[in-house]
C-alpha atoms as a PDB file:
ATOM      1  CA  MET A   1      60.108 -44.522 137.053  1.00  0.00           C
ATOM      2  CA  ASN A   2      61.902 -47.868 136.571  1.00  0.00           C
ATOM      3  CA  LYS A   3      60.122 -48.479 133.228  1.00  0.00           C
ATOM      4  CA  THR A   4      61.022 -44.976 132.057  1.00  0.00           C
ATOM      5  CA  PHE A   5      64.679 -45.546 132.968  1.00  0.00           C
ATOM      6  CA  LYS A   6      64.739 -48.881 131.094  1.00  0.00           C
ATOM      7  CA  LEU A   7      63.101 -47.314 128.038  1.00  0.00           C
ATOM      8  CA  LEU A   8      65.611 -44.439 128.069  1.00  0.00           C
ATOM      9  CA  SER A   9      68.485 -46.918 128.382  1.00  0.00           C
ATOM     10  CA  LEU A  10      67.218 -48.925 125.394  1.00  0.00           C
ATOM     11  CA  ILE A  11      66.897 -45.773 123.288  1.00  0.00           C
ATOM     12  CA  LEU A  12      70.447 -44.676 124.186  1.00  0.00           C
ATOM     13  CA  VAL A  13      71.847 -48.137 123.380  1.00  0.00           C
ATOM     14  CA  GLY A  14      69.985 -48.089 120.061  1.00  0.00           C
ATOM     15  CA  ILE A  15      71.382 -44.662 119.156  1.00  0.00           C
ATOM     16  CA  ALA A  16      74.900 -45.755 120.095  1.00  0.00           C
ATOM     17  CA  SER A  17      74.550 -48.904 117.996  1.00  0.00           C
ATOM     18  CA  VAL A  18      73.356 -46.966 114.963  1.00  0.00           C
ATOM     19  CA  ALA A  19      76.210 -44.470 115.364  1.00  0.00           C
ATOM     20  CA  ALA A  20      78.740 -47.293 115.633  1.00  0.00           C
ATOM     21  CA  VAL A  21      77.400 -49.022 112.525  1.00  0.00           C
ATOM     22  CA  ASN A  22      77.438 -45.731 110.613  1.00  0.00           C
ATOM     23  CA  TYR A  23      81.067 -45.072 111.566  1.00  0.00           C
ATOM     24  CA  VAL A  24      82.194 -48.585 110.643  1.00  0.00           C
ATOM     25  CA  SER A  25      80.399 -48.331 107.295  1.00  0.00           C
ATOM     26  CA  THR A  26      82.621 -45.362 106.352  1.00  0.00           C
ATOM     27  CA  ALA A  27      85.921 -47.209 106.914  1.00  0.00           C
ATOM     28  CA  TRP A  28      87.778 -47.800 103.638  1.00  0.00           C
ATOM     29  CA  THR A  29      90.901 -49.751 102.720  1.00  0.00           C
ATOM     30  CA  ILE A  30      93.201 -48.804  99.840  1.00  0.00           C
ATOM     31  CA  ASP A  31      93.495 -51.035  96.788  1.00  0.00           C
ATOM     32  CA  LYS A  32      97.189 -50.326  96.179  1.00  0.00           C
ATOM     33  CA  ALA A  33      97.179 -52.108  92.830  1.00  0.00           C
ATOM     34  CA  HIS A  34      94.937 -49.315  91.551  1.00  0.00           C
ATOM     35  CA  SER A  35      96.185 -46.367  93.619  1.00  0.00           C
ATOM     36  CA  ASN A  36      99.200 -44.068  93.560  1.00  0.00           C
ATOM     37  CA  ILE A  37     100.835 -41.117  95.281  1.00  0.00           C
ATOM     38  CA  ASN A  38     102.753 -39.056  92.734  1.00  0.00           C
ATOM     39  CA  PHE A  39     104.547 -35.731  92.541  1.00  0.00           C
ATOM     40  CA  GLU A  40     105.965 -33.413  89.893  1.00  0.00           C
ATOM     41  CA  VAL A  41     108.687 -30.770  90.177  1.00  0.00           C
ATOM     42  CA  ARG A  42     110.539 -28.653  87.634  1.00  0.00           C
ATOM     43  CA  HIS A  43     114.198 -29.349  86.786  1.00  0.00           C
ATOM     44  CA  PHE A  44     115.462 -26.243  84.973  1.00  0.00           C
ATOM     45  CA  PHE A  45     112.536 -25.997  82.505  1.00  0.00           C
ATOM     46  CA  THR A  46     111.324 -29.593  82.339  1.00  0.00           C
ATOM     47  CA  PRO A  47     108.815 -31.247  84.685  1.00  0.00           C
ATOM     48  CA  VAL A  48     110.158 -34.387  86.384  1.00  0.00           C
ATOM     49  CA  ASP A  49     107.697 -36.785  87.974  1.00  0.00           C
ATOM     50  CA  GLY A  50     108.054 -39.349  90.713  1.00  0.00           C
ATOM     51  CA  THR A  51     106.074 -41.594  92.997  1.00  0.00           C
ATOM     52  CA  PHE A  52     106.127 -43.119  96.462  1.00  0.00           C
ATOM     53  CA  HIS A  53     105.557 -46.869  96.442  1.00  0.00           C
ATOM     54  CA  ASP A  54     105.239 -47.504 100.188  1.00  0.00           C
ATOM     55  CA  TYR A  55     102.408 -45.759 102.025  1.00  0.00           C
ATOM     56  CA  THR A  56      99.418 -46.397 104.247  1.00  0.00           C
ATOM     57  CA  ALA A  57      96.209 -44.458 104.663  1.00  0.00           C
ATOM     58  CA  THR A  58      93.337 -44.504 107.099  1.00  0.00           C
ATOM     59  CA  VAL A  59      90.210 -43.315 105.332  1.00  0.00           C
ATOM     60  CA  ASN A  60      86.868 -42.960 107.100  1.00  0.00           C
ATOM     61  CA  PHE A  61      84.691 -41.049 104.696  1.00  0.00           C
ATOM     62  CA  ASP A  62      80.978 -40.571 104.278  1.00  0.00           C
ATOM     63  CA  PRO A  63      79.709 -37.486 102.398  1.00  0.00           C
ATOM     64  CA  SER A  64      76.636 -37.452 104.622  1.00  0.00           C
ATOM     65  CA  ASN A  65      78.680 -37.721 107.831  1.00  0.00           C
ATOM     66  CA  LEU A  66      81.671 -35.404 107.426  1.00  0.00           C
ATOM     67  CA  GLU A  67      81.957 -34.800 111.169  1.00  0.00           C
ATOM     68  CA  GLU A  68      83.225 -38.353 111.647  1.00  0.00           C
ATOM     69  CA  SER A  69      85.147 -38.499 108.363  1.00  0.00           C
ATOM     70  CA  MET A  70      88.934 -38.338 108.273  1.00  0.00           C
ATOM     71  CA  ILE A  71      91.898 -39.036 106.007  1.00  0.00           C
ATOM     72  CA  ASP A  72      95.339 -39.814 107.441  1.00  0.00           C
ATOM     73  CA  VAL A  73      98.248 -40.697 105.157  1.00  0.00           C
ATOM     74  CA  GLU A  74     101.726 -41.982 106.022  1.00  0.00           C
ATOM     75  CA  ILE A  75     104.391 -42.161 103.296  1.00  0.00           C
ATOM     76  CA  MET A  76     107.756 -43.891 103.592  1.00  0.00           C
ATOM     77  CA  VAL A  77     110.410 -41.571 102.125  1.00  0.00           C
ATOM     78  CA  ASN A  78     112.739 -44.443 101.182  1.00  0.00           C
ATOM     79  CA  SER A  79     110.138 -45.630  98.663  1.00  0.00           C
ATOM     80  CA  ILE A  80     110.646 -42.542  96.475  1.00  0.00           C
ATOM     81  CA  ASP A  81     111.071 -43.367  92.787  1.00  0.00           C
ATOM     82  CA  THR A  82     111.886 -40.871  90.032  1.00  0.00           C
ATOM     83  CA  LYS A  83     113.000 -43.535  87.531  1.00  0.00           C
ATOM     84  CA  ASN A  84     116.647 -42.628  88.172  1.00  0.00           C
ATOM     85  CA  GLU A  85     118.601 -44.461  90.902  1.00  0.00           C
ATOM     86  CA  ARG A  86     121.222 -41.737  91.329  1.00  0.00           C
ATOM     87  CA  ARG A  87     118.555 -39.059  91.751  1.00  0.00           C
ATOM     88  CA  ASN A  88     116.539 -41.282  94.087  1.00  0.00           C
ATOM     89  CA  GLY A  89     119.611 -41.729  96.283  1.00  0.00           C
ATOM     90  CA  HIS A  90     120.317 -37.989  96.322  1.00  0.00           C
ATOM     91  CA  LEU A  91     116.741 -37.164  97.319  1.00  0.00           C
ATOM     92  CA  LYS A  92     117.084 -39.449 100.356  1.00  0.00           C
ATOM     93  CA  THR A  93     120.153 -37.574 101.652  1.00  0.00           C
ATOM     94  CA  ALA A  94     120.295 -34.579 103.989  1.00  0.00           C
ATOM     95  CA  ASP A  95     120.332 -32.308 100.913  1.00  0.00           C
ATOM     96  CA  PHE A  96     116.621 -33.046 100.530  1.00  0.00           C
ATOM     97  CA  PHE A  97     114.459 -35.442 102.607  1.00  0.00           C
ATOM     98  CA  ASN A  98     117.106 -36.866 104.973  1.00  0.00           C
ATOM     99  CA  ALA A  99     115.250 -40.188 104.977  1.00  0.00           C
ATOM    100  CA  GLU A 100     117.477 -41.757 107.633  1.00  0.00           C
ATOM    101  CA  LYS A 101     116.526 -39.122 110.207  1.00  0.00           C
ATOM    102  CA  TYR A 102     112.994 -38.418 108.938  1.00  0.00           C
ATOM    103  CA  PRO A 103     111.683 -41.647 107.384  1.00  0.00           C
ATOM    104  CA  LYS A 104     108.017 -40.618 107.055  1.00  0.00           C
ATOM    105  CA  ILE A 105     105.865 -37.934 105.507  1.00  0.00           C
ATOM    106  CA  THR A 106     102.462 -37.667 107.204  1.00  0.00           C
ATOM    107  CA  PHE A 107      99.167 -35.920 106.627  1.00  0.00           C
ATOM    108  CA  LYS A 108      96.567 -35.940 109.408  1.00  0.00           C
ATOM    109  CA  SER A 109      93.210 -34.361 108.721  1.00  0.00           C
ATOM    110  CA  SER A 110      91.389 -32.335 111.353  1.00  0.00           C
ATOM    111  CA  LYS A 111      88.246 -31.491 109.378  1.00  0.00           C
ATOM    112  CA  ILE A 112      86.644 -32.304 106.043  1.00  0.00           C
ATOM    113  CA  GLU A 113      84.211 -29.919 104.414  1.00  0.00           C
ATOM    114  CA  SER A 114      82.036 -30.158 101.326  1.00  0.00           C
ATOM    115  CA  LYS A 115      82.452 -27.773  98.408  1.00  0.00           C
ATOM    116  CA  GLY A 116      79.544 -29.227  96.406  1.00  0.00           C
ATOM    117  CA  ASP A 117      79.460 -31.433  93.286  1.00  0.00           C
ATOM    118  CA  ASN A 118      81.415 -34.258  94.983  1.00  0.00           C
ATOM    119  CA  LYS A 119      84.266 -31.873  95.794  1.00  0.00           C
ATOM    120  CA  PHE A 120      85.697 -31.677  99.309  1.00  0.00           C
ATOM    121  CA  VAL A 121      88.588 -30.169 101.237  1.00  0.00           C
ATOM    122  CA  ALA A 122      90.488 -31.991 103.949  1.00  0.00           C
ATOM    123  CA  HIS A 123      92.067 -29.543 106.400  1.00  0.00           C
ATOM    124  CA  GLY A 124      94.988 -30.916 108.346  1.00  0.00           C
ATOM    125  CA  ASP A 125      98.665 -31.049 109.222  1.00  0.00           C
ATOM    126  CA  LEU A 126     101.329 -32.031 106.700  1.00  0.00           C
ATOM    127  CA  THR A 127     104.634 -33.059 108.268  1.00  0.00           C
ATOM    128  CA  ILE A 128     107.792 -33.363 106.181  1.00  0.00           C
ATOM    129  CA  LYS A 129     111.098 -33.784 108.014  1.00  0.00           C
ATOM    130  CA  ASP A 130     110.679 -31.855 111.305  1.00  0.00           C
ATOM    131  CA  VAL A 131     108.292 -29.233 109.922  1.00  0.00           C
ATOM    132  CA  THR A 132     104.511 -29.371 110.331  1.00  0.00           C
ATOM    133  CA  LYS A 133     102.235 -26.948 108.502  1.00  0.00           C
ATOM    134  CA  LYS A 134      98.485 -26.676 108.182  1.00  0.00           C
ATOM    135  CA  ILE A 135      97.347 -27.259 104.602  1.00  0.00           C
ATOM    136  CA  GLU A 136      94.147 -27.712 102.655  1.00  0.00           C
ATOM    137  CA  MET A 137      93.989 -30.883 100.558  1.00  0.00           C
ATOM    138  CA  PRO A 138      91.186 -30.577  97.999  1.00  0.00           C
ATOM    139  CA  PHE A 139      89.829 -33.839  96.659  1.00  0.00           C
ATOM    140  CA  THR A 140      87.078 -35.142  94.425  1.00  0.00           C
ATOM    141  CA  LEU A 141      84.935 -38.186  95.098  1.00  0.00           C
ATOM    142  CA  LEU A 142      84.926 -39.845  91.681  1.00  0.00           C
ATOM    143  CA  GLY A 143      82.087 -42.200  92.589  1.00  0.00           C
ATOM    144  CA  VAL A 144      80.854 -45.015  94.819  1.00  0.00           C
ATOM    145  CA  MET A 145      79.366 -48.283  93.591  1.00  0.00           C
ATOM    146  CA  ASP A 146      78.755 -51.876  94.603  1.00  0.00           C
ATOM    147  CA  HIS A 147      81.868 -53.998  94.200  1.00  0.00           C
ATOM    148  CA  PRO A 148      81.284 -57.157  92.101  1.00  0.00           C
ATOM    149  CA  ARG A 149      82.959 -59.192  94.872  1.00  0.00           C
ATOM    150  CA  GLY A 150      80.889 -57.632  97.647  1.00  0.00           C
ATOM    151  CA  GLY A 151      80.999 -54.406  99.594  1.00  0.00           C
ATOM    152  CA  LYS A 152      81.578 -51.022  98.000  1.00  0.00           C
ATOM    153  CA  VAL A 153      84.278 -49.468  95.843  1.00  0.00           C
ATOM    154  CA  ALA A 154      85.034 -45.741  95.647  1.00  0.00           C
ATOM    155  CA  GLY A 155      87.542 -43.472  93.952  1.00  0.00           C
ATOM    156  CA  ILE A 156      89.185 -40.310  95.278  1.00  0.00           C
ATOM    157  CA  THR A 157      91.591 -37.996  93.476  1.00  0.00           C
ATOM    158  CA  SER A 158      93.463 -35.008  94.868  1.00  0.00           C
ATOM    159  CA  GLU A 159      95.978 -32.492  93.519  1.00  0.00           C
ATOM    160  CA  PHE A 160      97.647 -29.692  95.453  1.00  0.00           C
ATOM    161  CA  VAL A 161     100.877 -27.678  95.448  1.00  0.00           C
ATOM    162  CA  ILE A 162     103.394 -27.249  98.264  1.00  0.00           C
ATOM    163  CA  ASP A 163     106.573 -25.183  98.594  1.00  0.00           C
ATOM    164  CA  ARG A 164     109.395 -27.645  99.301  1.00  0.00           C
ATOM    165  CA  ASN A 165     111.556 -24.956 100.943  1.00  0.00           C
ATOM    166  CA  VAL A 166     108.921 -24.361 103.628  1.00  0.00           C
ATOM    167  CA  TYR A 167     109.615 -27.934 104.774  1.00  0.00           C
ATOM    168  CA  GLY A 168     113.390 -27.746 104.410  1.00  0.00           C
ATOM    169  CA  VAL A 169     113.431 -30.133 101.440  1.00  0.00           C
ATOM    170  CA  GLY A 170     116.472 -28.560  99.831  1.00  0.00           C
ATOM    171  CA  THR A 171     119.445 -27.306 101.834  1.00  0.00           C
ATOM    172  CA  GLY A 172     122.531 -25.294 100.888  1.00  0.00           C
ATOM    173  CA  ASP A 173     122.733 -24.786  97.124  1.00  0.00           C
ATOM    174  CA  TRP A 174     119.502 -26.738  96.729  1.00  0.00           C
ATOM    175  CA  VAL A 175     117.405 -24.048  98.414  1.00  0.00           C
ATOM    176  CA  SER A 176     117.607 -22.075  95.178  1.00  0.00           C
ATOM    177  CA  ASP A 177     114.887 -22.824  92.649  1.00  0.00           C
ATOM    178  CA  ALA A 178     117.196 -22.170  89.667  1.00  0.00           C
ATOM    179  CA  VAL A 179     117.734 -25.906  89.104  1.00  0.00           C
ATOM    180  CA  VAL A 180     114.953 -27.575  91.108  1.00  0.00           C
ATOM    181  CA  GLY A 181     111.653 -25.720  91.300  1.00  0.00           C
ATOM    182  CA  LYS A 182     110.384 -24.848  94.751  1.00  0.00           C
ATOM    183  CA  GLU A 183     106.774 -25.722  93.915  1.00  0.00           C
ATOM    184  CA  VAL A 184     105.928 -29.420  94.021  1.00  0.00           C
ATOM    185  CA  THR A 185     102.597 -30.684  92.706  1.00  0.00           C
ATOM    186  CA  ALA A 186     101.337 -33.703  94.654  1.00  0.00           C
ATOM    187  CA  THR A 187      98.685 -36.010  93.188  1.00  0.00           C
ATOM    188  CA  LEU A 188      96.830 -38.747  95.062  1.00  0.00           C
ATOM    189  CA  ASN A 189      94.644 -41.268  93.256  1.00  0.00           C
ATOM    190  CA  LEU A 190      93.068 -43.731  95.656  1.00  0.00           C
ATOM    191  CA  GLU A 191      90.788 -46.647  94.895  1.00  0.00           C
ATOM    192  CA  LEU A 192      89.004 -47.618  98.093  1.00  0.00           C
ATOM    193  CA  ASN A 193      87.122 -50.713  99.212  1.00  0.00           C
ATOM    194  CA  SER A 194      84.643 -51.084 102.036  1.00  0.00           C
ATOM    195  CA  LYS A 195      82.962 -54.244 103.291  1.00  0.00           C
END
């Protein structure tokens, strides 16, 4: 009985150790020098693009272990850059993002599913200002390879569309899409490193 209990304990410890190693092996850090979070929105007829320079992301991703995979992103609104200081300042006001009151945009995944051919969908909550909505963030795993300096390197790209008015990004006259389009295309390109 005692030997059986010890053997069972060793097996359970071994399983737990393997699971822990597997989870750690899927933890990735962002190489910000080779990553970006961009967006595009229409102004009258012309697309205007921008980016967010300050962001963090927690990425635990393994195509063979999607149950323990997750992607959480946190974006600092004040880092918005549309290559026009006046426009940047306006976007930070209460007319749009109200960065002083709502300094962060967040996405927290709840589930990741495979769509085949290195394509996946992260289901989760997107919060902008004080509004949280469930969205689907499709993304493609561009590849995984050994990094010349050790560890692994991977690439992920994602593009999806949101309605800015659903999140209250545009108040008063700016709710109308006559000048600023209501559909915003978000693009994430992330280069990831893992030890």
